[in-house]
């Protein structure tokens, strides 16, 4: 078994990253849609904040739309 790594290049398209973040946001929103538990709401807000932080890590400025339950790309 070789321990050397093959050279490679990972390219991530901004659109693909946005779609992945929106899919995660939609799943989180659906999972907690009907909860009135404040802990569930706090978890949901923290999850959204984490998604926004990941977007920033990829150089994508975004906000979260409560009405559409999606990330909104700001530029």
Protein backbone atom coordinates (compact mmCIF):
# COMPACT_ATOMS: atom_id res chain seq x y z
CA UNK A 1 0.00 0.00 0.00
CA UNK A 2 1.38 3.36 -1.02
CA UNK A 3 1.50 6.21 1.48
CA UNK A 4 2.01 8.90 -1.15
CA UNK A 5 -0.89 11.00 -2.24
CA UNK A 6 -1.74 11.69 -5.82
CA UNK A 7 -1.73 15.38 -6.69
CA UNK A 8 -5.25 16.63 -7.23
CA UNK A 9 -7.25 19.78 -7.35
CA UNK A 10 -10.66 20.21 -5.76
CA UNK A 11 -12.77 22.88 -7.35
CA UNK A 12 -15.98 23.94 -5.67
CA UNK A 13 -18.47 25.99 -7.64
CA UNK A 14 -20.18 28.73 -5.70
CA UNK A 15 -23.57 27.50 -6.95
CA UNK A 16 -22.85 23.97 -5.66
CA UNK A 17 -21.87 25.30 -2.24
CA UNK A 18 -25.00 27.45 -2.10
CA UNK A 19 -27.18 24.47 -3.05
CA UNK A 20 -25.58 22.27 -0.39
CA UNK A 21 -26.06 24.94 2.28
CA UNK A 22 -29.69 25.47 1.24
CA UNK A 23 -30.33 21.72 1.34
CA UNK A 24 -28.98 21.55 4.89
CA UNK A 25 -31.04 24.60 5.89
CA UNK A 26 -34.21 23.10 4.41
CA UNK A 27 -33.65 19.80 6.21
CA UNK A 28 -33.12 21.58 9.52
CA UNK A 29 -36.22 23.74 9.01
CA UNK A 30 -38.37 20.72 8.13
CA UNK A 31 -37.15 18.74 11.12
CA UNK A 32 -38.07 21.49 13.56
CA UNK A 33 -41.00 23.12 11.77
CA UNK A 34 -43.67 22.20 14.31
CA UNK A 35 -41.75 22.46 17.55
CA UNK A 36 -42.64 25.10 20.08
CA UNK A 37 -39.85 23.99 22.39
CA UNK A 38 -37.46 26.93 22.98
CA UNK A 39 -34.53 24.50 22.96
CA UNK A 40 -35.50 23.34 19.46
CA UNK A 41 -35.75 26.93 18.27
CA UNK A 42 -32.37 27.75 19.81
CA UNK A 43 -30.85 24.71 18.09
CA UNK A 44 -32.35 25.81 14.76
CA UNK A 45 -30.92 29.33 15.12
CA UNK A 46 -27.50 27.93 15.99
CA UNK A 47 -27.63 25.59 13.01
CA UNK A 48 -28.46 28.49 10.68
CA UNK A 49 -25.63 30.54 12.15
CA UNK A 50 -23.27 27.63 11.48
CA UNK A 51 -24.40 27.48 7.85
CA UNK A 52 -23.77 31.22 7.48
CA UNK A 53 -20.29 30.74 8.96
CA UNK A 54 -19.56 27.98 6.44
CA UNK A 55 -20.73 30.26 3.63
CA UNK A 56 -18.32 32.94 4.86
CA UNK A 57 -15.51 30.37 4.96
CA UNK A 58 -16.05 29.92 1.22
CA UNK A 59 -16.13 33.69 0.65
CA UNK A 60 -19.91 33.79 0.23
CA UNK A 61 -21.78 36.57 2.02
CA UNK A 62 -25.28 35.41 2.90
CA UNK A 63 -28.21 35.99 5.21
CA UNK A 64 -31.11 33.74 6.14
CA UNK A 65 -34.66 34.44 4.97
CA UNK A 66 -37.26 33.41 7.54
CA UNK A 67 -40.05 33.54 4.96
CA UNK A 68 -38.43 31.29 2.36
CA UNK A 69 -36.35 29.20 4.81
CA UNK A 70 -33.36 29.66 2.49
CA UNK A 71 -30.00 31.32 2.46
CA UNK A 72 -29.91 34.54 0.48
CA UNK A 73 -26.63 35.30 -1.30
CA UNK A 74 -25.74 38.96 -0.85
CA UNK A 75 -23.31 39.58 -3.62
